[in-house]
Amino acid sequence: MGTGSSTAVVVLDGGPVVEILLEGDLDLAVSPLLAPVVRQVLVDPLVRSIELDVALVAFCDSSGLSALLNARNRAAEKGVSLRLVRVGARLERLLAATGLGRVLGVAG
């Protein structure tokens, strides 16, 4: 369970590949932060891929998974791929247990 720590969302612009760094807890608080960032990134017609760097994610619950899926779906609607990179062991186990690793495009 989350411990009340904050979540940070940082966009690192890289042209056609945009990296979004997530830090902290992916819980109920992350959706209002992640969704507008993804929408803003998708405004740029040159963006072809979004990489969500989750190396600094400490905790993820069903709300966090939902936020990640919503981001992936929004990107797919625009023809942009979205994948998770630098997935830690704890999050990797959660994604494997739920079957969402394949859906979210977890990069090795």
N, C-alpha and C. Protein backbone atom coordinates (compact mmCIF):
# COMPACT_ATOMS: atom_id res chain seq x y z
N MET A 1 0.84 -1.17 0.00
CA MET A 1 0.00 0.00 0.00
C MET A 1 0.89 1.23 0.00
N GLY A 2 0.43 2.30 -0.66
CA GLY A 2 1.19 3.53 -0.71
C GLY A 2 1.32 4.16 0.66
N THR A 3 2.38 4.93 0.83
CA THR A 3 2.64 5.53 2.12
C THR A 3 2.43 7.03 2.10
N GLY A 4 1.69 7.52 1.13
CA GLY A 4 1.43 8.94 1.05
C GLY A 4 2.53 9.72 0.35
N SER A 5 3.50 9.02 -0.21
CA SER A 5 4.55 9.73 -0.92
C SER A 5 3.99 10.30 -2.21
N SER A 6 4.65 11.32 -2.70
CA SER A 6 4.14 12.00 -3.88
C SER A 6 4.57 11.29 -5.15
N THR A 7 3.95 11.68 -6.22
CA THR A 7 4.28 11.15 -7.54
C THR A 7 4.76 12.30 -8.40
N ALA A 8 5.82 12.07 -9.15
CA ALA A 8 6.33 13.08 -10.07
C ALA A 8 6.25 12.53 -11.49
N VAL A 9 5.90 13.40 -12.43
CA VAL A 9 5.85 13.07 -13.84
C VAL A 9 6.71 14.10 -14.57
N VAL A 10 7.77 13.63 -15.21
CA VAL A 10 8.70 14.52 -15.90
C VAL A 10 8.81 14.07 -17.35
N VAL A 11 8.69 15.02 -18.28
CA VAL A 11 8.79 14.71 -19.71
C VAL A 11 10.18 15.09 -20.21
N LEU A 12 10.84 14.12 -20.82
CA LEU A 12 12.13 14.35 -21.46
C LEU A 12 11.91 14.27 -22.96
N ASP A 13 11.94 15.41 -23.63
CA ASP A 13 11.63 15.48 -25.05
C ASP A 13 12.80 14.96 -25.86
N GLY A 14 12.50 14.03 -26.74
CA GLY A 14 13.55 13.46 -27.57
C GLY A 14 13.14 13.37 -29.02
N GLY A 15 12.34 14.29 -29.52
CA GLY A 15 11.90 14.24 -30.91
C GLY A 15 10.79 13.23 -31.09
N PRO A 16 10.98 12.26 -32.00
CA PRO A 16 9.91 11.29 -32.26
C PRO A 16 9.70 10.31 -31.11
N VAL A 17 10.72 10.18 -30.23
CA VAL A 17 10.58 9.32 -29.06
C VAL A 17 10.61 10.21 -27.82
N VAL A 18 9.51 10.21 -27.09
CA VAL A 18 9.40 11.03 -25.88
C VAL A 18 9.46 10.11 -24.68
N GLU A 19 10.31 10.46 -23.73
CA GLU A 19 10.41 9.70 -22.50
C GLU A 19 9.69 10.44 -21.39
N ILE A 20 8.84 9.73 -20.69
CA ILE A 20 8.14 10.27 -19.52
C ILE A 20 8.64 9.50 -18.31
N LEU A 21 9.23 10.22 -17.38
CA LEU A 21 9.77 9.62 -16.17
C LEU A 21 8.73 9.69 -15.07
N LEU A 22 8.41 8.53 -14.51
CA LEU A 22 7.46 8.46 -13.39
C LEU A 22 8.23 8.13 -12.13
N GLU A 23 7.92 8.83 -11.06
CA GLU A 23 8.60 8.59 -9.79
C GLU A 23 7.58 8.60 -8.66
N GLY A 24 7.72 7.67 -7.74
CA GLY A 24 6.85 7.62 -6.57
C GLY A 24 5.83 6.51 -6.68
N ASP A 25 4.63 6.80 -6.22
CA ASP A 25 3.56 5.81 -6.18
C ASP A 25 2.62 5.97 -7.37
N LEU A 26 2.33 4.85 -8.04
CA LEU A 26 1.32 4.84 -9.09
C LEU A 26 0.03 4.35 -8.45
N ASP A 27 -0.75 5.31 -7.99
CA ASP A 27 -1.99 4.99 -7.30
C ASP A 27 -3.07 5.96 -7.78
N LEU A 28 -4.10 6.13 -6.99
CA LEU A 28 -5.22 6.97 -7.38
C LEU A 28 -4.80 8.40 -7.75
N ALA A 29 -3.72 8.88 -7.18
CA ALA A 29 -3.26 10.24 -7.43
C ALA A 29 -2.56 10.41 -8.78
N VAL A 30 -2.11 9.32 -9.40
CA VAL A 30 -1.32 9.45 -10.62
C VAL A 30 -2.16 9.75 -11.86
N SER A 31 -3.37 9.27 -11.94
CA SER A 31 -4.19 9.47 -13.13
C SER A 31 -4.38 10.94 -13.48
N PRO A 32 -4.72 11.78 -12.51
CA PRO A 32 -4.86 13.20 -12.86
C PRO A 32 -3.54 13.85 -13.27
N LEU A 33 -2.42 13.22 -12.96
CA LEU A 33 -1.12 13.77 -13.36
C LEU A 33 -0.67 13.24 -14.71
N LEU A 34 -0.84 11.95 -14.95
CA LEU A 34 -0.33 11.32 -16.16
C LEU A 34 -1.17 11.62 -17.39
N ALA A 35 -2.49 11.58 -17.27
CA ALA A 35 -3.36 11.77 -18.43
C ALA A 35 -3.11 13.08 -19.17
N PRO A 36 -3.06 14.23 -18.49
CA PRO A 36 -2.82 15.48 -19.24
C PRO A 36 -1.43 15.56 -19.86
N VAL A 37 -0.45 14.93 -19.22
CA VAL A 37 0.91 14.92 -19.78
C VAL A 37 0.92 14.13 -21.08
N VAL A 38 0.29 12.97 -21.08
CA VAL A 38 0.23 12.15 -22.29
C VAL A 38 -0.54 12.89 -23.38
N ARG A 39 -1.65 13.51 -23.03
CA ARG A 39 -2.42 14.29 -24.02
C ARG A 39 -1.55 15.37 -24.65
N GLN A 40 -0.78 16.08 -23.82
CA GLN A 40 0.06 17.17 -24.33
C GLN A 40 1.16 16.63 -25.24
N VAL A 41 1.76 15.52 -24.88
CA VAL A 41 2.80 14.91 -25.72
C VAL A 41 2.22 14.52 -27.07
N LEU A 42 1.00 14.00 -27.07
CA LEU A 42 0.38 13.52 -28.31
C LEU A 42 -0.07 14.64 -29.23
N VAL A 43 -0.02 15.88 -28.78
CA VAL A 43 -0.35 17.02 -29.65
C VAL A 43 0.68 17.16 -30.76
N ASP A 44 1.93 16.81 -30.48
CA ASP A 44 3.01 16.91 -31.45
C ASP A 44 2.89 15.79 -32.48
N PRO A 45 2.65 16.13 -33.75
CA PRO A 45 2.47 15.10 -34.78
C PRO A 45 3.75 14.32 -35.09
N LEU A 46 4.90 14.80 -34.64
CA LEU A 46 6.16 14.11 -34.89
C LEU A 46 6.42 12.97 -33.92
N VAL A 47 5.68 12.94 -32.82
CA VAL A 47 5.88 11.89 -31.81
C VAL A 47 5.39 10.56 -32.35
N ARG A 48 6.26 9.56 -32.32
CA ARG A 48 5.92 8.22 -32.80
C ARG A 48 5.91 7.20 -31.69
N SER A 49 6.59 7.52 -30.58
CA SER A 49 6.71 6.56 -29.50
C SER A 49 6.85 7.29 -28.17
N ILE A 50 6.23 6.70 -27.15
CA ILE A 50 6.36 7.19 -25.78
C ILE A 50 6.94 6.07 -24.94
N GLU A 51 7.98 6.40 -24.20
CA GLU A 51 8.57 5.44 -23.27
C GLU A 51 8.30 5.95 -21.86
N LEU A 52 7.61 5.14 -21.08
CA LEU A 52 7.36 5.47 -19.68
C LEU A 52 8.44 4.80 -18.84
N ASP A 53 9.33 5.62 -18.32
CA ASP A 53 10.42 5.12 -17.48
C ASP A 53 9.88 4.98 -16.06
N VAL A 54 9.78 3.74 -15.60
CA VAL A 54 9.19 3.46 -14.29
C VAL A 54 10.21 2.94 -13.28
N ALA A 55 11.49 3.22 -13.53
CA ALA A 55 12.55 2.74 -12.63
C ALA A 55 12.39 3.28 -11.21
N LEU A 56 11.83 4.47 -11.06
CA LEU A 56 11.71 5.10 -9.75
C LEU A 56 10.31 4.95 -9.14
N VAL A 57 9.53 4.03 -9.69
CA VAL A 57 8.20 3.76 -9.13
C VAL A 57 8.36 2.86 -7.92
N ALA A 58 7.83 3.31 -6.80
CA ALA A 58 7.96 2.57 -5.54
C ALA A 58 6.79 1.62 -5.29
N PHE A 59 5.62 1.97 -5.84
CA PHE A 59 4.40 1.24 -5.53
C PHE A 59 3.43 1.41 -6.68
N CYS A 60 2.65 0.37 -6.97
CA CYS A 60 1.62 0.46 -8.01
C CYS A 60 0.42 -0.36 -7.58
N ASP A 61 -0.76 0.25 -7.64
CA ASP A 61 -1.99 -0.48 -7.34
C ASP A 61 -2.86 -0.50 -8.60
N SER A 62 -4.09 -0.95 -8.45
CA SER A 62 -4.98 -1.08 -9.61
C SER A 62 -5.27 0.27 -10.26
N SER A 63 -5.30 1.34 -9.48
CA SER A 63 -5.50 2.67 -10.06
C SER A 63 -4.32 3.07 -10.93
N GLY A 64 -3.12 2.73 -10.48
CA GLY A 64 -1.92 3.01 -11.26
C GLY A 64 -1.90 2.21 -12.55
N LEU A 65 -2.27 0.94 -12.46
CA LEU A 65 -2.34 0.10 -13.66
C LEU A 65 -3.36 0.67 -14.64
N SER A 66 -4.49 1.13 -14.12
CA SER A 66 -5.52 1.73 -14.96
C SER A 66 -5.00 2.99 -15.65
N ALA A 67 -4.25 3.81 -14.93
CA ALA A 67 -3.68 5.03 -15.51
C ALA A 67 -2.71 4.68 -16.64
N LEU A 68 -1.91 3.63 -16.43
CA LEU A 68 -0.97 3.20 -17.46
C LEU A 68 -1.73 2.68 -18.69
N LEU A 69 -2.77 1.92 -18.46
CA LEU A 69 -3.57 1.41 -19.58
C LEU A 69 -4.27 2.53 -20.34
N ASN A 70 -4.79 3.50 -19.61
CA ASN A 70 -5.44 4.64 -20.25
C ASN A 70 -4.44 5.42 -21.10
N ALA A 71 -3.22 5.60 -20.59
CA ALA A 71 -2.18 6.29 -21.36
C ALA A 71 -1.85 5.51 -22.63
N ARG A 72 -1.73 4.20 -22.50
CA ARG A 72 -1.45 3.35 -23.66
C ARG A 72 -2.56 3.44 -24.69
N ASN A 73 -3.80 3.40 -24.23
CA ASN A 73 -4.94 3.45 -25.14
C ASN A 73 -5.03 4.80 -25.85
N ARG A 74 -4.78 5.88 -25.12
CA ARG A 74 -4.81 7.22 -25.73
C ARG A 74 -3.72 7.33 -26.80
N ALA A 75 -2.54 6.82 -26.50
CA ALA A 75 -1.46 6.84 -27.48
C ALA A 75 -1.82 6.01 -28.71
N ALA A 76 -2.37 4.82 -28.49
CA ALA A 76 -2.75 3.95 -29.60
C ALA A 76 -3.78 4.61 -30.51
N GLU A 77 -4.69 5.37 -29.93
CA GLU A 77 -5.69 6.10 -30.73
C GLU A 77 -5.04 7.06 -31.71
N LYS A 78 -3.86 7.56 -31.35
CA LYS A 78 -3.13 8.50 -32.21
C LYS A 78 -2.07 7.81 -33.05
N GLY A 79 -2.02 6.48 -32.98
CA GLY A 79 -1.04 5.73 -33.75
C GLY A 79 0.37 5.79 -33.17
N VAL A 80 0.44 6.08 -31.89
CA VAL A 80 1.73 6.21 -31.19
C VAL A 80 1.90 5.00 -30.28
N SER A 81 3.08 4.38 -30.33
CA SER A 81 3.33 3.25 -29.43
C SER A 81 3.72 3.77 -28.06
N LEU A 82 3.39 3.00 -27.05
CA LEU A 82 3.75 3.32 -25.68
C LEU A 82 4.27 2.06 -25.03
N ARG A 83 5.41 2.18 -24.36
CA ARG A 83 5.96 1.02 -23.67
C ARG A 83 6.59 1.46 -22.36
N LEU A 84 6.68 0.52 -21.44
CA LEU A 84 7.31 0.76 -20.16
C LEU A 84 8.78 0.36 -20.26
N VAL A 85 9.65 1.19 -19.74
CA VAL A 85 11.08 0.88 -19.73
C VAL A 85 11.61 0.95 -18.31
N ARG A 86 12.71 0.22 -18.09
CA ARG A 86 13.37 0.16 -16.79
C ARG A 86 12.40 -0.26 -15.68
N VAL A 87 11.71 -1.34 -15.95
CA VAL A 87 10.71 -1.87 -15.02
C VAL A 87 11.41 -2.62 -13.90
N GLY A 88 11.15 -2.23 -12.67
CA GLY A 88 11.73 -2.91 -11.52
C GLY A 88 11.07 -4.26 -11.28
N ALA A 89 11.72 -5.07 -10.45
CA ALA A 89 11.26 -6.44 -10.21
C ALA A 89 9.85 -6.48 -9.62
N ARG A 90 9.56 -5.61 -8.70
CA ARG A 90 8.24 -5.60 -8.05
C ARG A 90 7.12 -5.30 -9.05
N LEU A 91 7.32 -4.25 -9.85
CA LEU A 91 6.31 -3.90 -10.86
C LEU A 91 6.25 -4.97 -11.94
N GLU A 92 7.39 -5.53 -12.29
CA GLU A 92 7.41 -6.59 -13.31
C GLU A 92 6.57 -7.79 -12.86
N ARG A 93 6.68 -8.15 -11.58
CA ARG A 93 5.87 -9.27 -11.06
C ARG A 93 4.38 -8.94 -11.13
N LEU A 94 4.03 -7.71 -10.78
CA LEU A 94 2.62 -7.30 -10.84
C LEU A 94 2.11 -7.35 -12.28
N LEU A 95 2.89 -6.86 -13.22
CA LEU A 95 2.49 -6.88 -14.62
C LEU A 95 2.37 -8.30 -15.15
N ALA A 96 3.26 -9.17 -14.73
CA ALA A 96 3.20 -10.57 -15.15
C ALA A 96 1.97 -11.25 -14.56
N ALA A 97 1.69 -10.99 -13.29
CA ALA A 97 0.55 -11.61 -12.62
C ALA A 97 -0.78 -11.19 -13.23
N THR A 98 -0.84 -9.95 -13.71
CA THR A 98 -2.09 -9.44 -14.29
C THR A 98 -2.16 -9.64 -15.79
N GLY A 99 -1.04 -10.05 -16.41
CA GLY A 99 -1.01 -10.21 -17.86
C GLY A 99 -0.87 -8.91 -18.61
N LEU A 100 -0.60 -7.81 -17.89
CA LEU A 100 -0.53 -6.51 -18.52
C LEU A 100 0.85 -6.18 -19.10
N GLY A 101 1.83 -6.99 -18.79
CA GLY A 101 3.17 -6.76 -19.34
C GLY A 101 3.17 -6.73 -20.86
N ARG A 102 2.47 -7.67 -21.46
CA ARG A 102 2.40 -7.71 -22.93
C ARG A 102 1.58 -6.55 -23.47
N VAL A 103 0.51 -6.22 -22.81
CA VAL A 103 -0.36 -5.12 -23.28
C VAL A 103 0.37 -3.79 -23.23
N LEU A 104 1.13 -3.59 -22.16
CA LEU A 104 1.82 -2.31 -21.96
C LEU A 104 3.19 -2.26 -22.63
N GLY A 105 3.58 -3.32 -23.29
CA GLY A 105 4.83 -3.30 -24.03
C GLY A 105 6.04 -3.08 -23.16
N VAL A 106 6.24 -3.94 -22.20
CA VAL A 106 7.38 -3.82 -21.30
C VAL A 106 8.66 -4.10 -22.07
N ALA A 107 9.59 -3.13 -22.01
CA ALA A 107 10.89 -3.30 -22.67
C ALA A 107 11.87 -3.93 -21.72
N GLY A 108 12.72 -4.79 -22.23
CA GLY A 108 13.71 -5.47 -21.42
C GLY A 108 14.82 -4.56 -20.94
